[in-house]
Amino acid sequence: MSGLHDLLARATEQNPDQALIIYRDEASSYGEVNRDAGRLASYLRESGVKVGDRVALVLDNLPQYPVAYYGILKAGAAVVPLCADTRVDTLTHALAHSEAAAVIIGGKNSKLLDESEETLPHLRCIVSVGAPKIDGRKGLSIVELDDALEAAPNEIHHHSSENDLASLMYTSGTTAQPKGVMLSHLNLMANTESIVDYLKLDASERIGLVLPFFYSYGNSILHTHISAGATVVVLGSLAFPASVLQGIQNHKVTGFSGVPSTFARLIHFKSFNKYDTSSLRYVTQAGGPMTPALTEKLKRAMPQVKVFVMYGQTEAAPRLSYLPPEDLDRKMGSVGIALTGVELNVLDEDGAPVAPGEVGELVAKGDNIMCGYWKAPEETARVLRPEGLRTGDLARVDDDGFFYIVGRNSDMIKAGAHRISPKEIEAVVEMLPEVAQCAAVGVPHPMLGEAIAAFIVLGHDKSLDNKAVLRACLDKLPRFKIPTHVLFVESLPRTKTGKLRRKELKAWVEDGTVIL
């Protein structure tokens, strides 16, 4: 077996009646998902999707998600997972940039593709989960997923090479437009195998899901648990912690994954102790550093669980290191040791190793490292060097081989489960005629890790207020990219060469120069 979708086929052979995904207390079995994925693959091929094409997937955490994801792979195409909380400009850019031949999308969101014939010449097929809100046009087929499955002539399962492109995952970089991370079947399978190994996953596991599937962390949860033949229980949103905790209790969830804000919201919920979470065997945390104080609170709230602190990035499919639970106390603050099959080094600018305790850039090698950025050879060459993947994170390693992230070269804002480019926010705000300049930075937030602060310099017209800025952002950006703080300043700190000094903006907040 050499394709990522072979994981689903293998798990189905072993136990076709096992629940793969539970959504609102209804289960879809491995046999059902594998069958429907094969039918969807057949329909996509009949609709003109060729081996090697890209197919976008724009869905919430629905039971149809694994059907769509693995159906795309079975067709021999590559999955382009995209956030369902999107806007017209963001969606059409991703579809155009990836040259997507088809898109599988929620019915309500399908209206975003209206009048897309000229801007998306590669798009041949739209599969809607739920009634589509778009009319059919010449050369473009539009069908509901259920109808597509019924119309499929047979089930197909393309046998992919391990080096074939499996996924094109968009991640915001230091530029305004996201970059497409090219991940092969080997990249994803190698990382999946390593994670299954250190978490000791088997078919008895029930993972509680609150992270979105399109996110690299949520994507990894899907693959690892399918590889183990386990069950994914969709718990919904942390906006409703009582529902999440009730789901853990009712379904006797054994594992739970989140970013720091996930655990902060959960354990600070006033009724937390009213729910039985004793079924939990382990929790995993990634997506940004978790403070020692929050780690200690989590341990006290769930004393029976093993806490796995993890580190990675989308370019690594996504995991690079983990901190074994038995080392949590003595190595507090560490992101742990390299995964099996991954080599991590802390190097200086010339690629030479630094001494233990000294700070350098974390560089990674392994079968999980991406093939490169889609249509971006210069950016690929910048980060994929002979010494490995330049992560852009500053780190140190101790004498025992445990790694510590001490900062990052990137200006990315990490708000909850999201990595956000400040340039995306700045580009929207500066569209307002009253705005002369805008700089967005991440500032400390007790729940999210970082919140977005937009510093704005007005032009001659000083009539703009916070509400107008937020309305403009809401028109163009998904909600997780909306600034939490809008601050009007006389000028932005810059170097003599005119470069923005973002660290000084952060310092303004920390030293009280500006009050949020």
Protein backbone atom coordinates (compact mmCIF):
# COMPACT_ATOMS: atom_id res chain seq x y z
CA MET A 1 0.00 0.00 0.00
CA SER A 2 1.46 3.34 -1.01
CA GLY A 3 -1.37 5.89 -0.90
CA LEU A 4 -2.80 7.74 2.08
CA HIS A 5 -6.29 6.49 1.16
CA ASP A 6 -5.04 2.92 1.56
CA LEU A 7 -5.25 3.57 5.30
CA LEU A 8 -9.03 3.75 4.99
CA ALA A 9 -9.21 0.63 2.81
CA ARG A 10 -7.08 -1.33 5.28
CA ALA A 11 -9.11 -0.25 8.33
CA THR A 12 -12.33 -1.13 6.47
CA GLU A 13 -11.06 -4.63 5.68
CA GLN A 14 -10.23 -5.18 9.35
CA ASN A 15 -13.53 -3.93 10.81
CA PRO A 16 -16.10 -2.52 8.34
CA ASP A 17 -18.76 -2.05 11.05
CA GLN A 18 -16.56 0.04 13.34
CA ALA A 19 -17.73 3.66 13.70
CA LEU A 20 -15.34 5.99 11.87
CA ILE A 21 -17.10 9.25 12.73
CA ILE A 22 -19.86 10.15 15.17
CA TYR A 23 -21.74 13.37 14.49
CA ARG A 24 -24.69 14.45 16.62
CA ASP A 25 -24.87 10.96 18.09
CA GLU A 26 -25.16 9.29 14.66
CA ALA A 27 -22.33 7.04 13.51
CA SER A 28 -20.94 6.43 10.03
CA SER A 29 -19.03 3.16 9.78
CA TYR A 30 -15.74 2.49 8.02
CA GLY A 31 -17.60 0.38 5.49
CA GLU A 32 -20.04 3.19 4.69
CA VAL A 33 -17.37 5.87 4.41
CA ASN A 34 -15.09 3.70 2.28
CA ARG A 35 -17.97 2.77 -0.06
CA ASP A 36 -19.16 6.36 -0.45
CA ALA A 37 -15.60 7.61 -0.96
CA GLY A 38 -15.18 5.11 -3.79
CA ARG A 39 -18.45 6.22 -5.38
CA LEU A 40 -17.52 9.88 -5.09
CA ALA A 41 -14.17 9.12 -6.72
CA SER A 42 -16.04 7.50 -9.59
CA TYR A 43 -18.33 10.51 -9.97
CA LEU A 44 -15.42 12.96 -9.95
CA ARG A 45 -13.63 11.03 -12.68
CA GLU A 46 -16.82 10.87 -14.75
CA SER A 47 -17.15 14.65 -14.31
CA GLY A 48 -13.75 15.31 -15.83
CA VAL A 49 -11.41 15.24 -12.83
CA LYS A 50 -8.14 13.66 -13.95
CA VAL A 51 -5.36 11.96 -12.00
CA GLY A 52 -3.16 14.69 -10.55
CA ASP A 53 -5.86 17.38 -10.55
CA ARG A 54 -6.61 19.40 -7.44
CA VAL A 55 -10.04 19.26 -5.80
CA ALA A 56 -10.98 21.80 -3.15
CA LEU A 57 -12.79 20.76 0.02
CA VAL A 58 -14.71 23.54 1.77
CA LEU A 59 -16.68 21.89 4.57
CA ASP A 60 -17.26 22.18 8.28
CA ASN A 61 -16.68 19.14 10.50
CA LEU A 62 -19.48 17.11 8.96
CA PRO A 63 -19.75 13.30 8.55
CA GLN A 64 -19.33 13.87 4.80
CA TYR A 65 -15.84 15.29 5.33
CA PRO A 66 -13.92 11.97 5.40
CA VAL A 67 -16.03 10.73 2.48
CA ALA A 68 -15.01 13.78 0.47
CA TYR A 69 -11.36 13.80 1.55
CA TYR A 70 -10.71 10.14 0.84
CA GLY A 71 -12.96 10.18 -2.22
CA ILE A 72 -10.72 12.83 -3.78
CA LEU A 73 -7.67 10.68 -3.07
CA LYS A 74 -9.34 7.56 -4.47
CA ALA A 75 -9.90 9.51 -7.70
CA GLY A 76 -6.15 10.08 -7.92
CA ALA A 77 -6.51 13.80 -7.24
CA ALA A 78 -5.04 16.01 -4.50
CA VAL A 79 -7.13 17.54 -1.73
CA VAL A 80 -7.13 21.31 -1.21
CA PRO A 81 -8.68 21.76 2.27
CA LEU A 82 -10.05 25.26 2.78
CA CYS A 83 -11.72 27.05 5.67
CA ALA A 84 -15.52 27.02 5.46
CA ASP A 85 -15.66 30.41 7.18
CA THR A 86 -14.57 32.23 4.05
CA ARG A 87 -15.35 35.11 1.72
CA VAL A 88 -15.68 35.37 -2.06
CA ASP A 89 -12.24 36.89 -2.66
CA THR A 90 -10.42 34.42 -0.40
CA LEU A 91 -12.16 31.38 -1.85
CA THR A 92 -11.84 32.33 -5.51
CA HIS A 93 -8.15 33.17 -5.05
CA ALA A 94 -7.44 29.72 -3.57
CA LEU A 95 -9.44 27.96 -6.28
CA ALA A 96 -7.76 29.94 -9.03
CA HIS A 97 -4.25 29.57 -7.59
CA SER A 98 -4.62 25.81 -7.11
CA GLU A 99 -6.35 25.49 -10.50
CA ALA A 100 -8.96 23.33 -8.81
CA ALA A 101 -10.88 21.10 -11.21
CA ALA A 102 -13.70 20.57 -8.73
CA VAL A 103 -14.90 21.79 -5.38
CA ILE A 104 -16.86 19.98 -2.68
CA ILE A 105 -18.61 22.65 -0.64
CA GLY A 106 -21.41 23.23 1.84
CA GLY A 107 -24.69 24.19 0.24
CA LYS A 108 -24.85 27.63 1.86
CA ASN A 109 -21.30 28.45 0.79
CA SER A 110 -21.92 27.40 -2.81
CA LYS A 111 -23.42 30.85 -3.47
CA LEU A 112 -19.87 32.23 -3.18
CA LEU A 113 -19.11 30.52 -6.50
CA ASP A 114 -21.83 32.35 -8.39
CA GLU A 115 -20.54 34.05 -11.54
CA SER A 116 -17.21 32.21 -11.23
CA GLU A 117 -17.14 30.93 -14.81
CA GLU A 118 -14.66 33.53 -16.06
CA THR A 119 -12.47 33.74 -12.97
CA LEU A 120 -12.20 29.95 -12.50
CA PRO A 121 -11.68 28.47 -15.97
CA HIS A 122 -10.31 25.18 -14.56
CA LEU A 123 -13.42 24.47 -12.48
CA ARG A 124 -15.59 21.78 -14.04
CA CYS A 125 -17.64 20.37 -11.18
CA ILE A 126 -19.26 21.57 -7.96
CA VAL A 127 -20.46 18.96 -5.45
CA SER A 128 -22.73 20.52 -2.83
CA VAL A 129 -23.30 19.07 0.62
CA GLY A 130 -26.87 20.22 1.05
CA ALA A 131 -29.00 22.03 -1.49
CA PRO A 132 -26.82 24.24 -3.71
CA LYS A 133 -27.42 27.98 -3.76
CA ILE A 134 -26.10 28.40 -7.29
CA ASP A 135 -27.53 27.86 -10.76
CA GLY A 136 -25.94 25.56 -13.32
CA ARG A 137 -24.00 27.04 -16.22
CA LYS A 138 -22.52 25.84 -19.46
CA GLY A 139 -19.56 23.53 -18.94
CA LEU A 140 -19.99 23.36 -15.14
CA SER A 141 -21.89 20.54 -13.46
CA ILE A 142 -23.51 21.20 -10.08
CA VAL A 143 -24.83 18.30 -8.04
CA GLU A 144 -25.72 17.44 -4.46
CA LEU A 145 -23.40 14.89 -2.86
CA ASP A 146 -26.17 12.34 -2.28
CA ASP A 147 -27.18 12.53 -5.94
CA ALA A 148 -23.55 12.20 -7.01
CA LEU A 149 -23.16 9.03 -4.95
CA GLU A 150 -26.33 7.55 -6.45
CA ALA A 151 -25.24 8.45 -9.97
CA ALA A 152 -21.75 6.98 -9.62
CA PRO A 153 -21.32 4.04 -12.01
CA ASN A 154 -19.06 2.10 -9.63
CA GLU A 155 -16.49 2.42 -6.86
CA ILE A 156 -12.91 3.19 -7.80
CA HIS A 157 -9.65 3.26 -5.87
CA HIS A 158 -6.70 4.80 -7.70
CA HIS A 159 -3.35 3.29 -6.69
CA SER A 160 -1.18 6.30 -5.99
CA SER A 161 2.58 6.46 -5.76
CA GLU A 162 3.96 7.59 -2.41
CA ASN A 163 5.54 10.57 -4.17
CA ASP A 164 2.26 11.75 -5.75
CA LEU A 165 0.74 14.97 -4.45
CA ALA A 166 -1.89 14.15 -1.83
CA SER A 167 -2.75 17.56 -0.45
CA LEU A 168 -2.23 21.25 -1.14
CA MET A 169 -2.69 23.00 2.20
CA TYR A 170 -2.82 26.78 2.27
CA THR A 171 -1.02 28.44 5.13
CA SER A 172 -0.56 32.14 5.62
CA GLY A 173 3.01 33.28 5.23
CA THR A 174 4.82 36.58 5.55
CA THR A 175 3.11 37.87 2.39
CA ALA A 176 -0.50 38.92 2.07
CA GLN A 177 -1.52 35.84 0.09
CA PRO A 178 -1.38 32.34 1.63
CA LYS A 179 1.10 29.79 0.32
CA GLY A 180 0.14 26.32 -0.88
CA VAL A 181 2.11 23.65 0.97
CA MET A 182 2.56 20.59 -1.25
CA LEU A 183 2.34 17.36 0.76
CA SER A 184 2.87 13.97 -0.84
CA HIS A 185 1.29 10.70 0.21
CA LEU A 186 4.63 9.78 1.78
CA ASN A 187 4.81 13.04 3.75
CA LEU A 188 1.41 12.45 5.34
CA MET A 189 1.79 8.71 5.85
CA ALA A 190 5.22 9.02 7.48
CA ASN A 191 3.94 11.60 9.97
CA THR A 192 0.77 9.63 10.61
CA GLU A 193 2.72 6.48 11.42
CA SER A 194 5.01 8.28 13.87
CA ILE A 195 2.11 9.93 15.73
CA VAL A 196 0.16 6.68 16.00
CA ASP A 197 3.28 5.11 17.48
CA TYR A 198 3.98 7.61 20.27
CA LEU A 199 0.29 8.08 21.17
CA LYS A 200 -0.14 4.29 21.13
CA LEU A 201 -3.42 4.53 19.23
CA ASP A 202 -5.55 1.47 18.46
CA ALA A 203 -9.10 0.74 17.34
CA SER A 204 -10.49 1.23 20.85
CA GLU A 205 -9.73 4.96 20.84
CA ARG A 206 -12.41 7.64 20.61
CA ILE A 207 -10.95 11.06 19.90
CA GLY A 208 -13.05 14.11 20.77
CA LEU A 209 -12.81 16.63 17.94
CA VAL A 210 -13.21 20.40 18.31
CA LEU A 211 -10.47 21.42 15.86
CA PRO A 212 -11.47 22.00 12.22
CA PHE A 213 -10.56 19.26 9.76
CA PHE A 214 -9.13 21.77 7.26
CA TYR A 215 -6.50 22.85 9.82
CA SER A 216 -3.28 20.78 9.64
CA TYR A 217 -3.74 19.67 13.27
CA GLY A 218 -7.33 18.53 12.68
CA ASN A 219 -6.30 16.95 9.40
CA SER A 220 -3.67 14.92 11.24
CA ILE A 221 -6.24 13.73 13.79
CA LEU A 222 -8.38 12.35 10.95
CA HIS A 223 -5.52 10.41 9.37
CA THR A 224 -4.03 9.04 12.58
CA HIS A 225 -7.33 7.69 13.85
CA ILE A 226 -8.28 6.16 10.52
CA SER A 227 -4.85 4.53 10.45
CA ALA A 228 -5.58 3.02 13.87
CA GLY A 229 -9.14 2.03 12.91
CA ALA A 230 -10.41 4.27 15.71
CA THR A 231 -13.41 6.60 16.03
CA VAL A 232 -13.61 10.38 15.67
CA VAL A 233 -16.36 11.98 17.79
CA VAL A 234 -17.30 15.47 16.56
CA LEU A 235 -17.94 17.51 19.70
CA GLY A 236 -18.75 20.85 18.12
CA SER A 237 -17.43 24.26 19.06
CA LEU A 238 -15.76 25.44 22.27
CA ALA A 239 -18.21 28.33 22.11
CA PHE A 240 -20.51 25.80 23.80
CA PRO A 241 -18.30 24.13 26.43
CA ALA A 242 -21.22 22.37 28.10
CA SER A 243 -22.00 20.55 24.84
CA VAL A 244 -18.36 19.56 24.41
CA LEU A 245 -18.09 18.21 27.95
CA GLN A 246 -21.43 16.41 27.59
CA GLY A 247 -20.09 14.74 24.44
CA ILE A 248 -16.93 13.59 26.23
CA GLN A 249 -19.07 12.10 28.98
CA ASN A 250 -21.73 10.49 26.78
CA HIS A 251 -19.33 8.93 24.25
CA LYS A 252 -16.64 8.02 26.78
CA VAL A 253 -14.05 9.88 24.75
CA THR A 254 -10.51 8.60 25.35
CA GLY A 255 -8.48 11.36 23.67
CA PHE A 256 -8.83 15.10 23.18
CA SER A 257 -6.76 17.57 21.18
CA GLY A 258 -6.56 21.33 21.24
CA VAL A 259 -4.57 24.52 21.08
CA PRO A 260 -3.84 26.44 24.32
CA SER A 261 -7.05 28.48 24.12
CA THR A 262 -9.05 25.25 23.81
CA PHE A 263 -7.91 24.07 27.22
CA ALA A 264 -8.16 27.52 28.78
CA ARG A 265 -11.81 27.80 27.79
CA LEU A 266 -12.64 24.25 28.80
CA ILE A 267 -11.10 24.09 32.25
CA HIS A 268 -12.26 27.61 33.19
CA PHE A 269 -15.87 26.75 32.37
CA LYS A 270 -17.76 27.25 35.63
CA SER A 271 -19.59 23.90 35.37
CA PHE A 272 -16.54 21.85 34.35
CA ASN A 273 -16.62 19.66 37.45
CA LYS A 274 -20.24 18.64 36.84
CA TYR A 275 -19.16 16.47 33.90
CA ASP A 276 -17.44 13.10 33.96
CA THR A 277 -14.17 13.26 31.97
CA SER A 278 -12.61 10.19 33.58
CA SER A 279 -12.70 8.27 30.27
CA LEU A 280 -9.94 10.51 28.88
CA ARG A 281 -6.63 8.67 28.60
CA TYR A 282 -4.62 11.48 27.02
CA VAL A 283 -4.78 14.99 25.61
CA THR A 284 -2.53 16.55 22.98
CA GLN A 285 -1.64 20.24 22.65
CA ALA A 286 -0.07 22.07 19.72
CA GLY A 287 -0.69 25.24 17.72
CA GLY A 288 1.44 27.52 19.86
CA PRO A 289 3.08 27.48 23.29
CA MET A 290 1.02 26.70 26.37
CA THR A 291 2.16 28.55 29.47
CA PRO A 292 3.39 26.50 32.44
CA ALA A 293 0.56 27.99 34.51
CA LEU A 294 -2.09 26.73 32.08
CA THR A 295 -0.35 23.35 31.89
CA GLU A 296 -0.52 23.03 35.66
CA LYS A 297 -4.21 23.99 35.68
CA LEU A 298 -4.90 21.35 33.04
CA LYS A 299 -3.10 18.68 35.06
CA ARG A 300 -5.12 19.58 38.16
CA ALA A 301 -8.40 19.58 36.23
CA MET A 302 -7.71 16.21 34.60
CA PRO A 303 -5.25 14.40 36.87
CA GLN A 304 -5.78 11.03 35.17
CA VAL A 305 -4.74 12.14 31.66
CA LYS A 306 -1.37 11.99 29.96
CA VAL A 307 -0.55 15.42 28.52
CA PHE A 308 1.37 15.40 25.22
CA VAL A 309 2.85 18.78 24.28
CA MET A 310 3.62 18.84 20.55
CA TYR A 311 5.24 21.13 17.99
CA GLY A 312 5.18 21.33 14.23
CA GLN A 313 4.03 23.28 11.20
CA THR A 314 2.02 22.61 8.07
CA GLU A 315 5.25 22.24 6.06
CA ALA A 316 6.05 19.17 8.20
CA ALA A 317 2.70 17.39 7.64
CA PRO A 318 2.48 18.71 10.48
CA ARG A 319 4.28 17.22 13.48
CA LEU A 320 8.00 17.57 14.28
CA SER A 321 8.36 16.90 18.01
CA TYR A 322 6.52 15.83 21.14
CA LEU A 323 7.17 15.97 24.85
CA PRO A 324 6.54 12.58 26.49
CA PRO A 325 4.10 12.98 29.41
CA GLU A 326 6.60 11.46 31.83
CA ASP A 327 8.98 14.35 31.06
CA LEU A 328 6.37 17.10 31.38
CA ASP A 329 7.35 18.25 34.87
CA ARG A 330 11.13 18.12 34.52
CA LYS A 331 11.11 19.66 31.01
CA MET A 332 8.29 22.19 31.45
CA GLY A 333 8.28 24.64 28.55
CA SER A 334 9.97 22.22 26.15
CA VAL A 335 8.45 21.03 22.87
CA GLY A 336 10.19 17.73 23.47
CA ILE A 337 12.15 15.42 21.22
CA ALA A 338 12.01 14.69 17.52
CA LEU A 339 9.45 12.20 16.21
CA THR A 340 10.64 8.86 14.90
CA GLY A 341 11.91 9.49 11.37
CA VAL A 342 12.50 13.21 12.00
CA GLU A 343 15.88 14.85 12.54
CA LEU A 344 15.94 18.21 14.33
CA ASN A 345 18.93 20.53 14.65
CA VAL A 346 19.49 24.05 15.93
CA LEU A 347 21.69 25.83 13.41
CA ASP A 348 23.17 29.27 12.90
CA GLU A 349 22.69 31.37 9.75
CA ASP A 350 25.50 29.50 7.99
CA GLY A 351 23.99 26.08 8.70
CA ALA A 352 26.40 25.11 11.47
CA PRO A 353 25.13 23.55 14.71
CA VAL A 354 25.08 25.79 17.77
CA ALA A 355 26.13 24.58 21.21
CA PRO A 356 23.52 23.26 23.63
CA GLY A 357 21.77 26.17 25.31
CA GLU A 358 22.57 28.62 22.52
CA VAL A 359 19.83 30.04 20.30
CA GLY A 360 19.62 29.30 16.58
CA GLU A 361 17.01 28.38 13.98
CA LEU A 362 15.27 25.03 14.24
CA VAL A 363 15.87 22.98 11.08
CA ALA A 364 14.12 19.70 10.26
CA LYS A 365 14.69 16.69 8.00
CA GLY A 366 12.50 13.66 7.38
CA ASP A 367 10.05 11.93 5.05
CA ASN A 368 7.33 14.21 6.43
CA ILE A 369 8.89 17.42 5.10
CA MET A 370 6.87 19.05 2.30
CA CYS A 371 7.74 18.86 -1.39
CA GLY A 372 7.67 22.67 -1.59
CA TYR A 373 5.31 25.59 -2.09
CA TRP A 374 2.89 25.48 -5.01
CA LYS A 375 4.00 27.81 -7.84
CA ALA A 376 6.59 29.45 -5.57
CA PRO A 377 10.07 28.14 -6.45
CA GLU A 378 11.93 31.07 -4.89
CA GLU A 379 10.07 30.77 -1.59
CA THR A 380 10.60 27.00 -1.66
CA ALA A 381 14.35 27.45 -2.19
CA ARG A 382 14.45 29.89 0.73
CA VAL A 383 13.11 27.38 3.29
CA LEU A 384 14.08 23.98 1.80
CA ARG A 385 17.84 24.08 2.12
CA PRO A 386 20.46 21.31 1.89
CA GLU A 387 20.47 21.19 5.70
CA GLY A 388 16.68 20.71 5.83
CA LEU A 389 13.51 22.72 6.34
CA ARG A 390 14.21 26.14 7.81
CA THR A 391 11.25 26.45 10.18
CA GLY A 392 11.70 30.16 10.90
CA ASP A 393 11.46 29.40 14.64
CA LEU A 394 14.27 30.31 17.01
CA ALA A 395 15.11 27.53 19.44
CA ARG A 396 17.66 26.00 21.77
CA VAL A 397 18.37 22.39 22.71
CA ASP A 398 19.50 21.21 26.14
CA ASP A 399 22.09 18.60 27.00
CA ASP A 400 19.42 15.86 27.02
CA GLY A 401 18.30 16.62 23.47
CA PHE A 402 15.03 18.39 24.39
CA PHE A 403 14.10 21.40 22.28
CA TYR A 404 12.73 24.75 23.43
CA ILE A 405 11.14 27.35 21.11
CA VAL A 406 12.27 30.79 22.23
CA GLY A 407 10.80 32.95 19.47
CA ARG A 408 10.12 33.04 15.77
CA ASN A 409 11.46 34.92 12.81
CA SER A 410 8.02 35.19 11.30
CA ASP A 411 5.60 37.98 12.12
CA MET A 412 2.70 35.53 12.04
CA ILE A 413 -0.07 36.03 14.58
CA LYS A 414 -1.16 32.84 16.36
CA ALA A 415 -4.71 33.36 17.56
CA GLY A 416 -6.21 30.14 18.90
CA ALA A 417 -5.97 27.45 16.22
CA HIS A 418 -5.12 29.95 13.47
CA ARG A 419 -1.92 31.34 12.00
CA ILE A 420 -2.68 34.74 10.53
CA SER A 421 -0.60 36.96 8.30
CA PRO A 422 -0.73 40.59 9.50
CA LYS A 423 -0.53 41.74 5.89
CA GLU A 424 -3.97 40.25 5.22
CA ILE A 425 -5.52 42.53 7.84
CA GLU A 426 -3.43 45.54 6.83
CA ALA A 427 -4.43 45.19 3.18
CA VAL A 428 -8.13 45.33 4.12
CA VAL A 429 -7.87 48.22 6.58
CA GLU A 430 -5.79 50.32 4.22
CA MET A 431 -8.53 50.06 1.62
CA LEU A 432 -10.46 52.59 3.71
CA PRO A 433 -9.87 56.03 2.24
CA GLU A 434 -9.34 57.61 5.66
CA VAL A 435 -6.45 55.27 6.51
CA ALA A 436 -2.88 56.25 5.68
CA GLN A 437 -1.11 53.30 7.27
CA CYS A 438 -1.99 50.18 9.22
CA ALA A 439 0.11 47.66 11.10
CA ALA A 440 -1.33 44.51 12.67
CA VAL A 441 0.47 42.57 15.39
CA GLY A 442 -0.29 39.83 17.86
CA VAL A 443 -0.66 40.93 21.48
CA PRO A 444 -0.99 38.70 24.56
CA HIS A 445 -4.43 37.22 25.17
CA PRO A 446 -5.25 34.93 28.14
CA MET A 447 -7.45 32.57 26.10
CA LEU A 448 -6.27 32.76 22.49
CA GLY A 449 -2.54 33.07 23.15
CA GLU A 450 -2.51 36.11 20.89
CA ALA A 451 -5.17 38.59 19.82
CA ILE A 452 -4.98 40.87 16.80
CA ALA A 453 -4.24 44.54 17.40
CA ALA A 454 -4.52 46.92 14.45
CA PHE A 455 -2.54 50.16 14.79
CA ILE A 456 -3.89 52.79 12.39
CA VAL A 457 -2.50 56.11 11.22
CA LEU A 458 -5.21 58.30 9.71
CA GLY A 459 -4.80 60.65 6.79
CA HIS A 460 -6.29 64.14 6.67
CA ASP A 461 -9.81 62.83 7.33
CA LYS A 462 -9.89 62.00 11.06
CA SER A 463 -13.55 60.94 11.13
CA LEU A 464 -12.95 57.18 11.10
CA ASP A 465 -13.92 55.20 14.21
CA ASN A 466 -13.44 51.65 15.47
CA LYS A 467 -16.84 50.46 14.29
CA ALA A 468 -16.16 51.49 10.69
CA VAL A 469 -12.86 49.62 10.72
CA LEU A 470 -14.46 46.47 12.08
CA ARG A 471 -17.30 46.65 9.54
CA ALA A 472 -14.74 46.82 6.73
CA CYS A 473 -12.91 43.81 8.13
CA LEU A 474 -16.12 41.81 8.50
CA ASP A 475 -16.90 42.41 4.83
CA LYS A 476 -13.57 40.99 3.66
CA LEU A 477 -12.21 38.65 6.32
CA PRO A 478 -13.38 35.56 8.22
CA ARG A 479 -14.20 36.21 11.84
CA PHE A 480 -10.98 34.77 13.26
CA LYS A 481 -9.03 37.44 11.38
CA ILE A 482 -11.04 40.38 12.75
CA PRO A 483 -8.93 42.63 15.05
CA THR A 484 -9.74 42.46 18.73
CA HIS A 485 -8.19 45.88 19.29
CA VAL A 486 -8.23 48.93 16.99
CA LEU A 487 -5.88 51.71 18.03
CA PHE A 488 -5.37 55.08 16.33
CA VAL A 489 -1.80 56.42 16.56
CA GLU A 490 0.04 59.42 15.15
CA SER A 491 2.81 57.34 13.53
CA LEU A 492 4.23 53.82 13.28
CA PRO A 493 7.74 52.96 14.47
CA ARG A 494 10.11 52.34 11.56
CA THR A 495 13.80 51.85 10.91
CA LYS A 496 15.86 54.45 9.07
CA THR A 497 15.30 52.50 5.89
CA GLY A 498 11.52 52.67 6.38
CA LYS A 499 10.94 49.11 7.59
CA LEU A 500 8.16 48.63 10.13
CA ARG A 501 9.33 47.67 13.60
CA ARG A 502 6.61 45.30 14.76
CA LYS A 503 8.42 44.37 17.95
CA GLU A 504 8.21 47.98 19.08
CA LEU A 505 4.45 47.95 18.57
CA LYS A 506 4.24 44.89 20.83
CA ALA A 507 6.44 46.70 23.36
CA TRP A 508 4.03 49.64 23.37
CA VAL A 509 1.38 47.26 24.69
CA GLU A 510 3.67 45.53 27.18
CA ASP A 511 5.08 48.74 28.72
CA GLY A 512 1.75 50.58 28.76
CA THR A 513 2.57 53.16 26.11
CA VAL A 514 -0.81 52.26 24.62
CA ILE A 515 -3.75 50.93 26.60
CA LEU A 516 -5.83 48.22 24.96
